[in-house]
């Protein structure tokens, strides 16, 4: 498992999704308090840009709703993440809707990926919207 990269709630970097006008600070952890501040990186998954599957969760309808329009993304859209190691560009490859307990979406994937998770549909936690994107450009 990847080494811990910081304390819960510490700033990890910045996530930009041009198509849906997201430009948000990303934090370490996915506690209730951390997700109130913005998108949170799931502990024990790689930092975005590193090999494996970096998982980032965000609110859809509350606390600034950074992932409100995540359902507008399409295969081929771009997600940019800036961390201490540099700028990473990911391209959306898969869009899924799963049950809240379908945690397989957080499992490691060969290559370098980012998985964005949020509640689905709007104003409900009945399902999870999952966006999986593969690293196409970056320092690693």
Foldseek 3Di string as FASTA:
>chain_A
DDDFDDDFQAFFWWKAFPVVGFTFTETEDDDPVNQLRHKYWHPPADDAPDAWEIEIEHEQADNVRRCVPVVVDDFQGWMWIQGPQGIWIWTWDDKDKAAPPPCCLRGTDGAGKYKYWYAPDPPDNRIIIITITGTDDDDD
